[in-house]
Protein backbone atom coordinates (compact mmCIF):
# COMPACT_ATOMS: atom_id res chain seq x y z
CA MET A 1 -17.69 -31.58 15.45
CA ALA A 2 -19.83 -30.27 12.59
CA ASP A 3 -21.88 -27.13 12.94
CA ASP A 4 -24.71 -25.57 10.98
CA GLU A 5 -25.74 -22.00 11.74
CA SER A 6 -27.26 -18.93 10.16
CA LEU A 7 -26.22 -15.30 10.11
CA VAL A 8 -28.79 -12.62 9.31
CA LEU A 9 -27.43 -9.37 7.82
CA GLU A 10 -29.52 -6.29 8.54
CA ASP A 11 -29.30 -4.44 5.21
CA ASN A 12 -30.06 -6.32 1.99
CA GLU A 13 -28.13 -3.87 -0.22
CA VAL A 14 -25.01 -4.04 1.94
CA ALA A 15 -25.33 -7.83 2.00
CA LEU A 16 -25.26 -7.91 -1.81
CA LEU A 17 -22.12 -5.76 -1.83
CA LEU A 18 -20.58 -8.16 0.67
CA PHE A 19 -21.47 -11.27 -1.33
CA GLY A 20 -20.00 -9.88 -4.57
CA GLN A 21 -21.04 -10.60 -8.14
CA GLY A 22 -22.19 -14.20 -8.39
CA ASP A 23 -21.42 -14.63 -4.68
CA ARG A 24 -17.71 -14.71 -5.55
CA ASN A 25 -16.70 -13.36 -2.15
CA LEU A 26 -18.57 -16.17 -0.46
CA ARG A 27 -16.81 -18.68 -2.70
CA ALA A 28 -13.50 -17.15 -1.64
CA LEU A 29 -14.53 -17.53 2.01
CA GLU A 30 -15.33 -21.20 1.42
CA LYS A 31 -11.89 -21.71 -0.06
CA GLU A 32 -10.19 -20.01 2.90
CA THR A 33 -12.14 -21.75 5.66
CA GLY A 34 -13.07 -25.09 4.14
CA ILE A 35 -16.75 -24.78 5.07
CA GLN A 36 -19.88 -24.39 2.98
CA VAL A 37 -21.36 -20.88 2.72
CA ARG A 38 -24.78 -20.35 1.18
CA ALA A 39 -26.72 -17.08 0.91
CA ARG A 40 -30.42 -16.49 0.43
CA GLY A 41 -31.55 -12.89 0.58
CA ASN A 42 -29.83 -11.38 3.61
CA ARG A 43 -29.43 -14.73 5.39
CA VAL A 44 -26.17 -16.68 5.25
CA ARG A 45 -25.97 -20.36 6.17
CA LEU A 46 -22.65 -21.78 7.38
CA SER A 47 -22.03 -25.53 7.38
CA GLY A 48 -18.87 -27.28 8.53
CA PRO A 49 -16.61 -27.78 11.56
CA ALA A 50 -17.60 -25.59 14.50
CA LEU A 51 -14.26 -23.76 14.78
CA GLU A 52 -14.16 -22.87 11.08
CA CYS A 53 -17.81 -21.76 11.15
CA LYS A 54 -17.04 -19.47 14.06
CA LEU A 55 -14.09 -17.96 12.17
CA ALA A 56 -16.18 -17.50 9.00
CA ARG A 57 -18.91 -15.80 11.01
CA ARG A 58 -16.40 -13.27 12.40
CA VAL A 59 -15.05 -12.62 8.91
CA LEU A 60 -18.54 -12.09 7.47
CA GLN A 61 -19.48 -9.69 10.25
CA ASP A 62 -16.31 -7.71 9.69
CA LEU A 63 -16.79 -7.67 5.92
CA TYR A 64 -20.34 -6.47 6.43
CA GLU A 65 -19.17 -3.55 8.62
CA THR A 66 -16.58 -2.66 5.99
CA ALA A 67 -19.10 -2.77 3.13
CA ALA A 68 -21.58 -0.71 5.16
CA SER A 69 -18.96 2.03 5.51
CA GLY A 70 -18.79 2.43 1.73
CA VAL A 71 -15.63 0.45 1.06
CA GLU A 72 -15.70 -1.96 -1.88
CA ILE A 73 -15.15 -5.61 -0.99
CA ASP A 74 -13.33 -8.10 -3.18
CA GLU A 75 -11.78 -11.55 -2.87
CA ARG A 76 -8.48 -10.12 -1.65
CA ASP A 77 -10.26 -8.64 1.35
CA VAL A 78 -11.84 -12.00 2.11
CA ARG A 79 -8.45 -13.72 2.05
CA ASN A 80 -6.77 -11.05 4.16
CA MET A 81 -9.54 -10.90 6.76
CA ALA A 82 -9.76 -14.67 7.04
CA ARG A 83 -6.02 -14.90 7.60
CA MET A 84 -6.03 -12.08 10.16
CA ALA A 85 -8.97 -13.62 12.00
CA SER A 86 -7.21 -16.99 12.15
CA GLU A 87 -4.10 -15.30 13.57
CA GLY A 88 -6.10 -13.33 16.14
CA LEU A 89 -5.24 -9.96 14.57
CA ALA A 90 -7.54 -6.93 14.40
CA PRO A 91 -9.27 -7.17 11.01
CA ALA A 92 -9.49 -4.44 8.39
CA GLY A 93 -13.09 -3.65 9.27
CA ARG A 94 -11.88 -2.50 12.66
CA ALA A 95 -9.87 0.12 10.82
CA VAL A 96 -13.12 1.75 9.70
CA ALA A 97 -14.42 1.93 13.26
CA GLU A 98 -11.12 3.29 14.52
CA GLY A 99 -10.83 6.00 11.87
CA ASP A 100 -8.11 4.52 9.65
CA VAL A 101 -10.20 4.99 6.51
CA ILE A 102 -8.58 7.32 3.95
CA GLU A 103 -10.89 9.71 2.10
CA VAL A 104 -9.47 10.65 -1.29
CA GLY A 105 -12.58 12.40 -2.57
CA ARG A 106 -12.96 10.93 -6.05
CA ARG A 107 -16.55 9.70 -6.30
CA ARG A 108 -16.44 9.39 -2.51
CA LYS A 109 -13.71 6.79 -2.87
CA ARG A 110 -12.63 5.43 0.50
CA ILE A 111 -9.46 3.43 0.99
CA VAL A 112 -8.87 1.21 3.99
CA PRO A 113 -5.61 -0.51 4.98
CA ARG A 114 -6.26 -4.23 4.54
CA THR A 115 -3.64 -5.83 6.77
CA ALA A 116 -2.11 -5.20 10.20
CA ASN A 117 1.14 -3.89 8.68
CA GLN A 118 -0.78 -1.60 6.33
CA ARG A 119 -2.72 -0.19 9.27
CA LEU A 120 0.52 0.42 11.17
CA TYR A 121 2.00 2.10 8.09
CA VAL A 122 -0.97 4.46 7.69
CA GLN A 123 -0.91 5.29 11.40
CA CYS A 124 2.82 6.07 11.30
CA ILE A 125 2.33 8.36 8.30
CA ARG A 126 -0.56 10.09 10.05
CA ASP A 127 1.27 10.59 13.35
CA GLY A 128 4.84 11.22 12.20
CA ASP A 129 6.80 13.29 9.70
CA LEU A 130 9.13 10.64 8.23
CA THR A 131 8.06 7.07 7.49
CA PHE A 132 9.90 4.27 5.72
CA GLY A 133 7.92 1.41 4.14
CA ILE A 134 10.17 -1.54 3.33
CA GLY A 135 8.97 -4.76 1.74
CA PRO A 136 8.09 -6.59 -1.47
CA ALA A 137 6.12 -5.29 -4.40
CA GLY A 138 2.34 -5.38 -4.22
CA THR A 139 2.05 -4.65 -0.50
CA GLY A 140 0.34 -1.28 -0.96
CA LYS A 141 3.25 0.93 0.07
CA THR A 142 2.98 3.41 -2.81
CA TYR A 143 -0.80 3.24 -3.10
CA LEU A 144 -1.49 3.97 0.58
CA ALA A 145 1.14 6.71 0.73
CA MET A 146 -0.45 8.33 -2.33
CA ALA A 147 -3.89 8.10 -0.73
CA MET A 148 -2.59 9.81 2.41
CA ALA A 149 -0.97 12.52 0.28
CA VAL A 150 -4.16 13.18 -1.71
CA GLN A 151 -6.21 13.31 1.49
CA ALA A 152 -3.75 15.79 3.04
CA LEU A 153 -3.88 18.01 -0.06
CA ARG A 154 -7.68 17.99 -0.21
CA ARG A 155 -7.89 18.85 3.49
CA ARG A 156 -5.36 21.67 2.97
CA GLU A 157 -3.03 20.10 5.51
CA VAL A 158 -0.24 20.62 2.95
CA ALA A 159 0.12 23.01 0.03
CA ARG A 160 1.53 20.49 -2.43
CA ILE A 161 2.42 16.90 -3.19
CA VAL A 162 5.91 16.07 -4.43
CA LEU A 163 6.41 12.64 -6.01
CA THR A 164 9.87 11.40 -6.92
CA ARG A 165 11.91 8.32 -7.59
CA PRO A 166 15.44 7.63 -8.84
CA ALA A 167 15.77 7.20 -12.60
CA VAL A 168 17.45 3.79 -12.58
CA GLU A 169 16.73 1.18 -15.26
CA ALA A 170 15.70 -2.30 -14.16
CA GLY A 171 18.34 -3.98 -16.34
CA GLU A 172 17.39 -2.14 -19.54
CA ARG A 173 19.01 0.95 -21.03
CA LEU A 174 16.48 3.66 -21.85
CA GLY A 175 18.71 6.72 -22.00
CA PHE A 176 18.76 6.92 -25.78
CA LEU A 177 14.99 6.95 -26.18
CA PRO A 178 13.84 9.87 -28.37
CA GLY A 179 11.61 12.62 -27.04
CA THR A 180 11.53 15.46 -24.56
CA LEU A 181 12.88 15.22 -21.02
CA HIS A 182 9.33 14.60 -19.74
CA GLU A 183 8.90 11.74 -22.23
CA LYS A 184 12.24 10.23 -21.22
CA VAL A 185 11.50 10.18 -17.49
CA ASP A 186 7.83 9.23 -17.80
CA PRO A 187 8.52 5.44 -17.74
CA TYR A 188 10.34 5.83 -14.42
CA LEU A 189 7.53 7.84 -12.84
CA ARG A 190 4.58 5.93 -14.31
CA PRO A 191 3.85 3.85 -11.15
CA LEU A 192 3.35 7.11 -9.24
CA THR A 193 1.12 8.67 -11.89
CA ASP A 194 -0.91 5.44 -12.17
CA ALA A 195 -1.66 5.49 -8.45
CA LEU A 196 -2.49 9.19 -8.58
CA SER A 197 -4.90 8.72 -11.49
CA GLU A 198 -6.95 6.26 -9.44
CA MET A 199 -7.64 8.96 -6.86
CA MET A 200 -8.01 12.09 -8.98
CA ASP A 201 -9.57 12.81 -12.36
CA GLY A 202 -7.10 13.59 -15.14
CA ASP A 203 -8.27 17.19 -15.49
CA GLU A 204 -7.84 17.76 -11.77
CA VAL A 205 -4.33 16.32 -11.81
CA HIS A 206 -3.46 18.56 -14.78
CA ARG A 207 -4.74 21.66 -12.97
CA HIS A 208 -2.76 20.84 -9.86
CA MET A 209 0.39 20.24 -11.89
CA GLU A 210 -0.04 23.56 -13.72
CA ARG A 211 -0.38 25.35 -10.36
CA GLY A 212 2.56 23.46 -8.90
CA SER A 213 0.49 21.86 -6.15
CA ILE A 214 1.42 18.44 -7.58
CA GLU A 215 4.97 17.92 -8.76
CA ILE A 216 6.36 14.71 -10.25
CA ALA A 217 10.09 14.69 -10.93
CA PRO A 218 13.20 12.47 -10.89
CA LEU A 219 15.14 12.44 -7.63
CA ALA A 220 18.02 14.39 -9.16
CA TYR A 221 15.72 17.43 -9.38
CA MET A 222 15.42 17.57 -5.57
CA ARG A 223 19.00 18.69 -5.02
CA GLY A 224 19.40 22.17 -3.53
CA ARG A 225 15.72 22.56 -2.59
CA THR A 226 13.90 22.92 0.72
CA LEU A 227 10.40 21.44 0.62
CA ASN A 228 8.13 23.25 3.06
CA ASP A 229 4.41 22.54 3.60
CA ALA A 230 4.58 19.47 1.37
CA PHE A 231 3.76 15.77 1.35
CA ILE A 232 6.74 14.09 -0.31
CA ILE A 233 6.87 10.48 -1.51
CA LEU A 234 10.13 8.85 -2.58
CA ASP A 235 9.39 5.58 -4.35
CA GLU A 236 11.87 2.81 -5.21
CA GLY A 237 14.14 4.01 -2.42
CA GLN A 238 16.35 0.91 -2.75
CA ASN A 239 17.68 2.40 -5.99
CA THR A 240 19.09 5.50 -4.29
CA THR A 241 22.76 5.73 -3.50
CA SER A 242 23.83 6.69 0.01
CA GLU A 243 24.52 10.22 -1.20
CA GLN A 244 21.12 10.53 -2.89
CA MET A 245 19.27 9.28 0.18
CA ARG A 246 21.09 11.74 2.41
CA MET A 247 20.36 14.53 -0.06
CA PHE A 248 16.67 13.66 -0.13
CA LEU A 249 16.30 13.38 3.64
CA THR A 250 17.78 16.84 4.12
CA ARG A 251 15.21 18.39 1.75
CA LEU A 252 12.46 18.05 4.38
CA GLY A 253 11.23 21.49 5.42
CA PHE A 254 8.75 22.89 7.92
CA ASP A 255 5.22 21.44 8.10
CA SER A 256 6.13 18.64 5.71
CA LYS A 257 5.81 14.86 5.70
CA ALA A 258 7.98 12.41 3.79
CA VAL A 259 7.35 8.75 2.97
CA ILE A 260 10.15 6.59 1.56
CA ASN A 261 9.30 3.19 0.07
CA GLY A 262 11.41 0.40 -1.30
CA ASP A 263 12.16 -3.29 -1.65
CA LEU A 264 15.70 -4.24 -0.68
CA THR A 265 15.49 -7.48 -2.68
CA GLN A 266 14.98 -5.63 -5.98
CA THR A 267 17.91 -3.24 -6.14
CA ASP A 268 18.96 -2.17 -9.64
CA LEU A 269 22.10 -0.28 -8.66
CA PRO A 270 25.51 -1.44 -9.91
CA ARG A 271 27.00 -4.10 -7.63
CA GLU A 272 29.70 -1.85 -6.25
CA MET A 273 27.20 0.82 -5.19
CA ARG A 274 25.60 0.84 -1.69
CA SER A 275 21.82 1.19 -1.41
CA GLY A 276 20.84 4.37 0.39
CA LEU A 277 17.68 2.73 1.71
CA PHE A 278 19.63 -0.10 3.30
CA GLN A 279 22.05 2.32 4.94
CA ALA A 280 19.22 4.55 6.19
CA SER A 281 17.45 1.57 7.74
CA ARG A 282 20.63 0.83 9.71
CA ILE A 283 21.70 4.27 10.89
CA LEU A 284 18.32 6.00 11.40
CA ALA A 285 16.51 3.22 13.29
CA GLY A 286 15.62 4.31 16.80
CA ILE A 287 15.57 8.05 16.12
CA PRO A 288 12.35 9.54 17.58
CA GLY A 289 10.01 10.78 14.87
CA ILE A 290 11.30 8.33 12.23
CA ALA A 291 9.20 5.19 11.71
CA PHE A 292 10.16 2.01 9.86
CA VAL A 293 7.36 -0.36 8.82
CA GLY A 294 8.19 -3.75 7.36
CA PHE A 295 5.96 -5.66 4.93
CA ASP A 296 6.04 -9.30 3.83
CA GLU A 297 4.17 -11.63 1.49
CA LYS A 298 1.13 -11.64 3.78
CA ASP A 299 0.57 -7.97 2.92
CA VAL A 300 0.48 -8.52 -0.84
CA VAL A 301 -2.79 -7.26 -2.32
CA ARG A 302 -2.16 -8.27 -5.92
CA HIS A 303 -2.88 -11.61 -7.58
CA PRO A 304 -2.69 -14.49 -5.04
CA LEU A 305 0.21 -16.00 -7.00
CA VAL A 306 2.36 -12.99 -6.10
CA GLN A 307 2.42 -14.15 -2.47
CA GLU A 308 3.60 -17.58 -3.57
CA ILE A 309 6.24 -16.10 -5.88
CA ILE A 310 7.66 -13.90 -3.11
CA ARG A 311 7.70 -16.83 -0.67
CA ALA A 312 9.44 -19.06 -3.21
CA TYR A 313 12.18 -16.53 -3.85
CA GLU A 314 12.71 -15.97 -0.14
CA ASN A 315 13.01 -19.71 0.49
CA GLY A 316 14.99 -20.50 -2.65
CA ASP A 317 18.07 -19.02 -4.24
CA GLU A 318 19.42 -15.68 -3.08
CA PRO A 319 18.34 -12.70 -5.21
CA ARG A 320 20.88 -11.03 -7.43
CA GLU A 321 21.75 -8.60 -4.66
CA THR A 322 20.29 -7.96 -1.23
CA GLY A 323 20.59 -5.08 1.18
CA SER A 324 23.27 -6.89 3.17
CA ASP A 325 25.41 -7.10 0.03
CA ARG A 326 25.25 -3.32 -0.33
CA GLY A 327 25.59 -2.32 3.30
CA GLU A 328 28.81 -3.92 4.29
């Protein structure tokens, strides 16, 4: 049964933010729902099957609430919210109402978890002291953890941020590159610094690093230390050995939080070496105070093709080495 209804949005400026440049967000909604969406001023007209129109109306209302809170809307949000609405899940806009928004301070930048798993991840980080995020690339694990760390530092909930990852090449050999130690390890740590630069100005990052309130270092530099009053992020945890993971976990000091991220399908360790992340996920599961959050292709917030690529690899040939290959 076809339906034809209108939705009136209260604030014209918020409506324009919702629609996107050239109404691109509305075009994305049409693609997701299969109905026709037309906007004129602050009025939106929905034409198509009744069930799909009802779903699109819910998505638009949620997107409007999100835009009104100051969060930028793009086509990824439309896709994620449409999918969550069709699956009966609480949409991202609900996160704003329930306080899941992350304030990082830069030009009043506000970050909101976009999917149900991202919301769970943020909540676990907020409520607990040790959180593992395990899943494919592009699911927001590092970005959201960095946002939580920056927010904690700005609110003086911690005295410093410590960012680390194992210095393991992804098939290439970089050890003979010329330059200082910092220049040699910079390629390994660049994903962390890229995420940090989106939330802080370069001068501010430099000042924090000079004062020691932001530290970025290879995992090997963590040995022998106790990290008190810190927010610690270990990225690419699948490339830790069992010994390295145990070493890192025992660095956690008083009034500190740690987040460990990784993708067990993209391990770059030698075949004979066990992944510390895989082992930790087996032996630490069920311990109170330690949270494990799993991500899948539905949580990918990169180019839409990334979801299809991940799904194809999961359904096709086995990857070079999986966690089960390393754990047993």
